[in-house]
Amino acid sequence: MTKKLVKEAALAIFAEKGYDGTALSEIAKAVGIKTPSLYAHFPSKEALFLEVYQDSIHAELHELQQVSQNESLAGEEKLQKLFFTATDFSSNPDEKKFFQRAVFYPPKSLFLELKEATRTYEQLTNDILRETLEAIVTEASLLRWMHVFYALLDGLSVEHGIYDEVEFELRRESAWEVLASLLK
């Protein structure tokens, strides 16, 4: 139980302050334990960060897999739901913020590990997208669509923090319209 609480506290603090701005003592205090007690669950701050990152990836993938496995959705409708799920930055805000920080501003000491984990995440996401795309577009269009999907996802993840909800939703809808036009 404590390990789970440590990861929850770490997620929130890492999301807010980043890896370098977070001290293990802050995480321990948030959980209500002494700093040395953290080492019973994690050998280092790096190990804790990496596990929280892996959990974040699994949560993101789980959301996309839920949509992918929804048999009532198909084709463009399923792709739209996948896009809007991937660009929903208001659900699980700490998790989304943590994930964005780790991807866009990875700690230098963990750069290679995070880069590899992110590649694995993207490959699994590609598999989810490919499953639906293969039935409706050519291979060349499929790759172009996925490239644009990720570019829009990255752009919207930044814009979410800049614009109010109304403006963000307008931009998100516009982004989908452009992405959907690549299916025709």
C-alpha atoms as a PDB file:
ATOM      1  CA  MET A   1       0.000   0.000   0.000  1.00  0.00           C
ATOM      2  CA  THR A   2       2.774   2.431   0.864  1.00  0.00           C
ATOM      3  CA  LYS A   3       4.517   1.845  -2.475  1.00  0.00           C
ATOM      4  CA  LYS A   4       1.332   2.866  -4.265  1.00  0.00           C
ATOM      5  CA  LEU A   5       1.021   5.989  -2.083  1.00  0.00           C
ATOM      6  CA  VAL A   6       4.664   6.858  -2.745  1.00  0.00           C
ATOM      7  CA  LYS A   7       4.104   6.615  -6.501  1.00  0.00           C
ATOM      8  CA  GLU A   8       0.928   8.715  -6.303  1.00  0.00           C
ATOM      9  CA  ALA A   9       2.697  11.431  -4.310  1.00  0.00           C
ATOM     10  CA  ALA A  10       5.743  11.268  -6.572  1.00  0.00           C
ATOM     11  CA  LEU A  11       3.555  11.615  -9.666  1.00  0.00           C
ATOM     12  CA  ALA A  12       1.937  14.802  -8.358  1.00  0.00           C
ATOM     13  CA  ILE A  13       5.203  16.362  -7.204  1.00  0.00           C
ATOM     14  CA  PHE A  14       7.207  15.355 -10.294  1.00  0.00           C
ATOM     15  CA  ALA A  15       4.361  16.721 -12.447  1.00  0.00           C
ATOM     16  CA  GLU A  16       4.504  20.050 -10.652  1.00  0.00           C
ATOM     17  CA  LYS A  17       8.241  20.487 -10.093  1.00  0.00           C
ATOM     18  CA  GLY A  18       9.924  18.146 -12.536  1.00  0.00           C
ATOM     19  CA  TYR A  19      12.592  15.603 -11.727  1.00  0.00           C
ATOM     20  CA  ASP A  20      15.358  18.038 -10.822  1.00  0.00           C
ATOM     21  CA  GLY A  21      13.068  20.234  -8.725  1.00  0.00           C
ATOM     22  CA  THR A  22      11.798  17.357  -6.601  1.00  0.00           C
ATOM     23  CA  ALA A  23      13.497  16.114  -3.450  1.00  0.00           C
ATOM     24  CA  LEU A  24      12.810  12.661  -2.071  1.00  0.00           C
ATOM     25  CA  SER A  25      12.137  14.318   1.277  1.00  0.00           C
ATOM     26  CA  GLU A  26       9.136  16.122  -0.294  1.00  0.00           C
ATOM     27  CA  ILE A  27       7.703  12.833  -1.511  1.00  0.00           C
ATOM     28  CA  ALA A  28       8.272  11.174   1.856  1.00  0.00           C
ATOM     29  CA  LYS A  29       6.628  14.089   3.665  1.00  0.00           C
ATOM     30  CA  ALA A  30       3.605  13.944   1.324  1.00  0.00           C
ATOM     31  CA  VAL A  31       3.181  10.256   2.146  1.00  0.00           C
ATOM     32  CA  GLY A  32       3.809  10.737   5.867  1.00  0.00           C
ATOM     33  CA  ILE A  33       6.983   8.668   6.122  1.00  0.00           C
ATOM     34  CA  LYS A  34      10.631   9.457   6.719  1.00  0.00           C
ATOM     35  CA  THR A  35      12.911   9.796   3.687  1.00  0.00           C
ATOM     36  CA  PRO A  36      14.990   6.661   4.448  1.00  0.00           C
ATOM     37  CA  SER A  37      11.743   4.633   4.404  1.00  0.00           C
ATOM     38  CA  LEU A  38      11.415   5.379   0.667  1.00  0.00           C
ATOM     39  CA  TYR A  39      14.416   3.149   0.038  1.00  0.00           C
ATOM     40  CA  ALA A  40      12.409   0.143   1.253  1.00  0.00           C
ATOM     41  CA  HIS A  41      10.292   0.607  -1.877  1.00  0.00           C
ATOM     42  CA  PHE A  42      12.660   2.206  -4.403  1.00  0.00           C
ATOM     43  CA  PRO A  43      16.448   1.996  -4.532  1.00  0.00           C
ATOM     44  CA  SER A  44      16.783   5.555  -5.851  1.00  0.00           C
ATOM     45  CA  LYS A  45      14.995   8.652  -7.063  1.00  0.00           C
ATOM     46  CA  GLU A  46      15.778   7.512 -10.613  1.00  0.00           C
ATOM     47  CA  ALA A  47      14.093   4.139 -10.036  1.00  0.00           C
ATOM     48  CA  LEU A  48      11.030   5.845  -8.580  1.00  0.00           C
ATOM     49  CA  PHE A  49      10.800   8.272 -11.510  1.00  0.00           C
ATOM     50  CA  LEU A  50      11.165   5.474 -14.062  1.00  0.00           C
ATOM     51  CA  GLU A  51       8.475   3.384 -12.409  1.00  0.00           C
ATOM     52  CA  VAL A  52       6.098   6.344 -12.283  1.00  0.00           C
ATOM     53  CA  TYR A  53       6.866   6.944 -15.978  1.00  0.00           C
ATOM     54  CA  GLN A  54       6.145   3.307 -16.845  1.00  0.00           C
ATOM     55  CA  ASP A  55       2.857   3.540 -14.935  1.00  0.00           C
ATOM     56  CA  SER A  56       2.022   6.700 -16.866  1.00  0.00           C
ATOM     57  CA  ILE A  57       2.693   4.968 -20.173  1.00  0.00           C
ATOM     58  CA  HIS A  58       0.535   2.012 -19.171  1.00  0.00           C
ATOM     59  CA  ALA A  59      -2.323   4.332 -18.194  1.00  0.00           C
ATOM     60  CA  GLU A  60      -2.123   6.164 -21.540  1.00  0.00           C
ATOM     61  CA  LEU A  61      -2.041   2.893 -23.455  1.00  0.00           C
ATOM     62  CA  HIS A  62      -4.935   1.491 -21.435  1.00  0.00           C
ATOM     63  CA  GLU A  63      -7.119   4.468 -22.410  1.00  0.00           C
ATOM     64  CA  LEU A  64      -6.285   3.998 -26.099  1.00  0.00           C
ATOM     65  CA  GLN A  65      -6.793   0.228 -25.926  1.00  0.00           C
ATOM     66  CA  GLN A  66     -10.242   0.756 -24.404  1.00  0.00           C
ATOM     67  CA  VAL A  67     -11.217   2.783 -27.461  1.00  0.00           C
ATOM     68  CA  SER A  68      -9.506   0.387 -29.851  1.00  0.00           C
ATOM     69  CA  GLN A  69     -11.393  -2.594 -28.428  1.00  0.00           C
ATOM     70  CA  ASN A  70     -14.770  -0.858 -28.553  1.00  0.00           C
ATOM     71  CA  GLU A  71     -16.537  -2.928 -31.206  1.00  0.00           C
ATOM     72  CA  SER A  72     -19.252  -0.319 -31.679  1.00  0.00           C
ATOM     73  CA  LEU A  73     -16.648   2.006 -33.233  1.00  0.00           C
ATOM     74  CA  ALA A  74     -15.013   1.542 -36.633  1.00  0.00           C
ATOM     75  CA  GLY A  75     -13.059   3.452 -39.258  1.00  0.00           C
ATOM     76  CA  GLU A  76     -12.996   7.225 -39.042  1.00  0.00           C
ATOM     77  CA  GLU A  77     -15.259   7.258 -35.982  1.00  0.00           C
ATOM     78  CA  LYS A  78     -12.787   5.069 -34.067  1.00  0.00           C
ATOM     79  CA  LEU A  79      -9.839   7.200 -35.189  1.00  0.00           C
ATOM     80  CA  GLN A  80     -11.664  10.332 -34.036  1.00  0.00           C
ATOM     81  CA  LYS A  81     -12.308   8.786 -30.626  1.00  0.00           C
ATOM     82  CA  LEU A  82      -8.635   7.734 -30.405  1.00  0.00           C
ATOM     83  CA  PHE A  83      -7.526  11.273 -31.292  1.00  0.00           C
ATOM     84  CA  PHE A  84      -9.818  12.904 -28.750  1.00  0.00           C
ATOM     85  CA  THR A  85      -8.788  10.410 -26.084  1.00  0.00           C
ATOM     86  CA  ALA A  86      -5.099  11.051 -26.766  1.00  0.00           C
ATOM     87  CA  THR A  87      -5.631  14.820 -26.647  1.00  0.00           C
ATOM     88  CA  ASP A  88      -7.784  14.858 -23.511  1.00  0.00           C
ATOM     89  CA  PHE A  89      -5.393  16.655 -21.189  1.00  0.00           C
ATOM     90  CA  SER A  90      -8.012  17.515 -18.558  1.00  0.00           C
ATOM     91  CA  SER A  91      -8.603  13.940 -17.390  1.00  0.00           C
ATOM     92  CA  ASN A  92      -5.903  12.778 -14.964  1.00  0.00           C
ATOM     93  CA  PRO A  93      -4.123  16.158 -15.146  1.00  0.00           C
ATOM     94  CA  ASP A  94      -1.161  15.194 -12.936  1.00  0.00           C
ATOM     95  CA  GLU A  95      -0.535  12.092 -14.996  1.00  0.00           C
ATOM     96  CA  LYS A  96      -0.733  14.020 -18.269  1.00  0.00           C
ATOM     97  CA  LYS A  97       1.501  16.820 -16.977  1.00  0.00           C
ATOM     98  CA  PHE A  98       4.033  14.321 -15.646  1.00  0.00           C
ATOM     99  CA  PHE A  99       4.083  12.454 -18.970  1.00  0.00           C
ATOM    100  CA  GLN A 100       4.555  15.684 -20.939  1.00  0.00           C
ATOM    101  CA  ARG A 101       7.385  16.854 -18.702  1.00  0.00           C
ATOM    102  CA  ALA A 102       9.134  13.497 -18.957  1.00  0.00           C
ATOM    103  CA  VAL A 103       8.849  13.443 -22.753  1.00  0.00           C
ATOM    104  CA  PHE A 104       9.612  17.113 -23.494  1.00  0.00           C
ATOM    105  CA  TYR A 105      12.063  17.804 -20.647  1.00  0.00           C
ATOM    106  CA  PRO A 106      13.570  14.480 -19.598  1.00  0.00           C
ATOM    107  CA  PRO A 107      16.125  14.447 -16.813  1.00  0.00           C
ATOM    108  CA  LYS A 108      19.571  14.193 -18.399  1.00  0.00           C
ATOM    109  CA  SER A 109      20.541  11.261 -16.198  1.00  0.00           C
ATOM    110  CA  LEU A 110      17.525   9.262 -17.435  1.00  0.00           C
ATOM    111  CA  PHE A 111      17.434  10.447 -21.035  1.00  0.00           C
ATOM    112  CA  LEU A 112      18.301   7.108 -22.663  1.00  0.00           C
ATOM    113  CA  GLU A 113      15.926   5.067 -20.492  1.00  0.00           C
ATOM    114  CA  LEU A 114      13.060   7.488 -21.091  1.00  0.00           C
ATOM    115  CA  LYS A 115      13.788   7.668 -24.807  1.00  0.00           C
ATOM    116  CA  GLU A 116      13.601   3.862 -25.060  1.00  0.00           C
ATOM    117  CA  ALA A 117      10.403   3.692 -23.003  1.00  0.00           C
ATOM    118  CA  THR A 118       8.871   6.426 -25.151  1.00  0.00           C
ATOM    119  CA  ARG A 119       9.792   4.549 -28.333  1.00  0.00           C
ATOM    120  CA  THR A 120       8.114   1.442 -26.960  1.00  0.00           C
ATOM    121  CA  TYR A 121       5.028   3.488 -26.048  1.00  0.00           C
ATOM    122  CA  GLU A 122       4.906   5.013 -29.519  1.00  0.00           C
ATOM    123  CA  GLN A 123       5.268   1.600 -31.176  1.00  0.00           C
ATOM    124  CA  LEU A 124       2.362   0.232 -29.143  1.00  0.00           C
ATOM    125  CA  THR A 125       0.321   3.330 -30.002  1.00  0.00           C
ATOM    126  CA  ASN A 126       1.249   2.836 -33.665  1.00  0.00           C
ATOM    127  CA  ASP A 127      -0.078  -0.719 -33.484  1.00  0.00           C
ATOM    128  CA  ILE A 128      -3.390   0.547 -32.104  1.00  0.00           C
ATOM    129  CA  LEU A 129      -3.694   3.191 -34.836  1.00  0.00           C
ATOM    130  CA  ARG A 130      -2.501   0.886 -37.600  1.00  0.00           C
ATOM    131  CA  GLU A 131      -5.194  -1.670 -36.805  1.00  0.00           C
ATOM    132  CA  THR A 132      -7.899   0.828 -37.753  1.00  0.00           C
ATOM    133  CA  LEU A 133      -6.007   2.721 -40.454  1.00  0.00           C
ATOM    134  CA  GLU A 134      -5.025  -0.335 -42.520  1.00  0.00           C
ATOM    135  CA  ALA A 135      -8.643  -0.946 -43.450  1.00  0.00           C
ATOM    136  CA  ILE A 136      -9.261   2.550 -44.792  1.00  0.00           C
ATOM    137  CA  VAL A 137      -6.039   4.039 -46.246  1.00  0.00           C
ATOM    138  CA  THR A 138      -2.976   3.023 -48.236  1.00  0.00           C
ATOM    139  CA  GLU A 139       0.332   2.299 -46.491  1.00  0.00           C
ATOM    140  CA  ALA A 140       1.783   5.653 -47.640  1.00  0.00           C
ATOM    141  CA  SER A 141      -1.270   7.506 -46.338  1.00  0.00           C
ATOM    142  CA  LEU A 142      -1.161   5.509 -43.124  1.00  0.00           C
ATOM    143  CA  LEU A 143       2.380   6.638 -42.318  1.00  0.00           C
ATOM    144  CA  ARG A 144       1.604  10.255 -43.225  1.00  0.00           C
ATOM    145  CA  TRP A 145      -1.521  10.130 -41.055  1.00  0.00           C
ATOM    146  CA  MET A 146       0.418   8.806 -38.060  1.00  0.00           C
ATOM    147  CA  HIS A 147       3.154  11.430 -38.484  1.00  0.00           C
ATOM    148  CA  VAL A 148       0.556  14.204 -38.508  1.00  0.00           C
ATOM    149  CA  PHE A 149      -1.278  12.562 -35.584  1.00  0.00           C
ATOM    150  CA  TYR A 150       1.852  12.789 -33.410  1.00  0.00           C
ATOM    151  CA  ALA A 151       2.685  16.321 -34.552  1.00  0.00           C
ATOM    152  CA  LEU A 152      -0.824  17.468 -33.655  1.00  0.00           C
ATOM    153  CA  LEU A 153      -0.740  15.574 -30.358  1.00  0.00           C
ATOM    154  CA  ASP A 154       2.533  17.260 -29.391  1.00  0.00           C
ATOM    155  CA  GLY A 155       1.309  20.684 -30.453  1.00  0.00           C
ATOM    156  CA  LEU A 156      -1.979  20.349 -28.612  1.00  0.00           C
ATOM    157  CA  SER A 157      -0.227  19.150 -25.474  1.00  0.00           C
ATOM    158  CA  VAL A 158       1.638  22.466 -25.398  1.00  0.00           C
ATOM    159  CA  GLU A 159      -1.404  24.530 -26.383  1.00  0.00           C
ATOM    160  CA  HIS A 160      -3.471  23.005 -23.594  1.00  0.00           C
ATOM    161  CA  GLY A 161      -1.339  24.878 -21.086  1.00  0.00           C
ATOM    162  CA  ILE A 162      -1.514  28.161 -23.002  1.00  0.00           C
ATOM    163  CA  TYR A 163      -5.148  28.644 -24.021  1.00  0.00           C
ATOM    164  CA  ASP A 164      -8.401  28.640 -22.106  1.00  0.00           C
ATOM    165  CA  GLU A 165     -10.675  25.635 -22.467  1.00  0.00           C
ATOM    166  CA  VAL A 166     -12.885  27.171 -25.170  1.00  0.00           C
ATOM    167  CA  GLU A 167      -9.972  28.177 -27.409  1.00  0.00           C
ATOM    168  CA  PHE A 168      -8.233  24.860 -26.818  1.00  0.00           C
ATOM    169  CA  GLU A 169     -11.339  22.914 -27.865  1.00  0.00           C
ATOM    170  CA  LEU A 170     -11.620  25.011 -31.040  1.00  0.00           C
ATOM    171  CA  ARG A 171      -8.002  24.203 -31.867  1.00  0.00           C
ATOM    172  CA  ARG A 172      -8.505  20.526 -31.055  1.00  0.00           C
ATOM    173  CA  GLU A 173     -11.559  20.339 -33.336  1.00  0.00           C
ATOM    174  CA  SER A 174      -9.628  22.085 -36.122  1.00  0.00           C
ATOM    175  CA  ALA A 175      -6.729  19.684 -35.669  1.00  0.00           C
ATOM    176  CA  TRP A 176      -9.103  16.726 -35.993  1.00  0.00           C
ATOM    177  CA  GLU A 177     -10.638  18.173 -39.170  1.00  0.00           C
ATOM    178  CA  VAL A 178      -7.188  18.414 -40.761  1.00  0.00           C
ATOM    179  CA  LEU A 179      -6.295  14.891 -39.644  1.00  0.00           C
ATOM    180  CA  ALA A 180      -9.620  13.504 -40.894  1.00  0.00           C
ATOM    181  CA  SER A 181      -9.051  15.153 -44.288  1.00  0.00           C
ATOM    182  CA  LEU A 182      -5.997  12.901 -44.728  1.00  0.00           C
ATOM    183  CA  LEU A 183      -8.305   9.882 -44.717  1.00  0.00           C
ATOM    184  CA  LYS A 184     -10.030  10.916 -47.930  1.00  0.00           C
END
